[in-house]
């Protein structure tokens, strides 16, 4: 029931307005509850705060234009193990 999440993203020439949804985890991977600061940023141009509402991972604050950010997080889920995993088998 533990989810490990890694993300690397680059904003466009105009960064999205805050708040913006970074990711909507599929069932089986959603955070157990509402959580603030769920992700750890690995760059100096990171958003102000990161929030999970149980359905989405939302970034509050403004990312810099044309900037890359790396994020990592670990959380507990109460969702049942999914019968179908996301993605394509390789």
Protein backbone atom coordinates (compact mmCIF):
# COMPACT_ATOMS: atom_id res chain seq x y z
CA UNK A 1 0.00 0.00 0.00
CA UNK A 2 3.02 2.30 -0.45
CA UNK A 3 3.40 4.38 -3.61
CA UNK A 4 6.74 5.81 -4.78
CA UNK A 5 6.41 8.67 -7.26
CA UNK A 6 9.07 10.35 -9.39
CA UNK A 7 8.37 13.16 -11.83
CA UNK A 8 10.46 15.36 -14.06
CA UNK A 9 8.76 18.08 -16.01
CA UNK A 10 9.65 21.22 -17.92
CA UNK A 11 7.32 24.17 -18.17
CA UNK A 12 6.68 25.80 -21.51
CA UNK A 13 7.79 29.30 -22.43
CA UNK A 14 4.88 30.44 -20.27
CA UNK A 15 4.62 28.43 -17.06
CA UNK A 16 1.10 27.41 -16.02
CA UNK A 17 -0.76 29.62 -13.59
CA UNK A 18 -0.95 28.32 -10.05
CA UNK A 19 -2.41 26.13 -8.85
CA UNK A 20 -2.11 23.52 -11.56
CA UNK A 21 -2.65 19.77 -11.51
CA UNK A 22 0.62 17.94 -12.02
CA UNK A 23 -0.86 14.43 -12.08
CA UNK A 24 -4.09 12.58 -11.45
CA UNK A 25 -3.10 9.22 -9.97
CA UNK A 26 -5.23 6.29 -11.16
CA UNK A 27 -7.18 4.24 -8.63
CA UNK A 28 -4.71 2.11 -6.72
CA UNK A 29 -2.16 4.92 -6.43
CA UNK A 30 -4.08 7.80 -4.83
CA UNK A 31 -2.90 9.28 -1.51
CA UNK A 32 -4.79 8.05 1.54
CA UNK A 33 -5.98 11.54 2.44
CA UNK A 34 -5.37 15.22 1.92
CA UNK A 35 -1.65 15.86 2.34
CA UNK A 36 0.51 18.99 2.07
CA UNK A 37 4.17 18.82 1.12
CA UNK A 38 3.84 15.31 -0.22
CA UNK A 39 6.69 15.73 -2.74
CA UNK A 40 10.31 16.75 -2.33
CA UNK A 41 11.63 19.12 -5.02
CA UNK A 42 15.15 18.80 -6.41
CA UNK A 43 15.66 22.24 -7.99
CA UNK A 44 15.92 25.86 -6.90
CA UNK A 45 13.04 27.02 -9.10
CA UNK A 46 10.42 24.80 -7.48
CA UNK A 47 6.82 25.70 -6.75
CA UNK A 48 5.88 27.03 -3.31
CA UNK A 49 3.95 23.98 -2.12
CA UNK A 50 2.61 20.66 -3.28
CA UNK A 51 -0.74 19.30 -2.19
CA UNK A 52 -2.56 16.01 -2.72
CA UNK A 53 -6.33 16.08 -2.32
CA UNK A 54 -6.79 12.32 -2.52
CA UNK A 55 -7.42 12.48 -6.28
CA UNK A 56 -4.82 14.85 -7.75
CA UNK A 57 -1.35 16.11 -7.06
CA UNK A 58 -1.61 19.88 -7.26
CA UNK A 59 1.17 22.46 -7.29
CA UNK A 60 0.62 25.84 -5.64
CA UNK A 61 3.01 28.65 -6.48
CA UNK A 62 4.50 29.61 -9.81
CA UNK A 63 7.09 27.58 -11.66
CA UNK A 64 9.59 29.56 -13.72
CA UNK A 65 9.11 29.82 -17.49
CA UNK A 66 11.03 27.20 -19.51
CA UNK A 67 12.32 25.58 -16.32
CA UNK A 68 12.72 21.96 -15.37
CA UNK A 69 11.81 20.49 -12.01
CA UNK A 70 12.28 17.04 -10.47
CA UNK A 71 10.00 15.78 -7.72
CA UNK A 72 9.93 12.67 -5.55
CA UNK A 73 7.36 11.44 -3.06
CA UNK A 74 6.22 8.42 -1.10
CA UNK A 75 2.73 8.00 0.32
CA UNK A 76 0.28 5.43 1.62
CA UNK A 77 -2.83 4.51 -0.33
CA UNK A 78 -6.03 2.93 0.95
CA UNK A 79 -7.01 1.93 -2.60
CA UNK A 80 -7.17 -1.74 -3.45
CA UNK A 81 -4.44 -3.10 -5.70
CA UNK A 82 -5.58 -2.33 -9.28
CA UNK A 83 -6.68 -5.25 -11.41
CA UNK A 84 -5.04 -3.56 -14.43
CA UNK A 85 -1.82 -1.59 -14.07
CA UNK A 86 -1.40 1.70 -15.97
CA UNK A 87 1.00 1.93 -18.88
CA UNK A 88 2.09 -0.50 -21.55
CA UNK A 89 4.02 -3.69 -20.84
CA UNK A 90 7.48 -3.75 -22.39
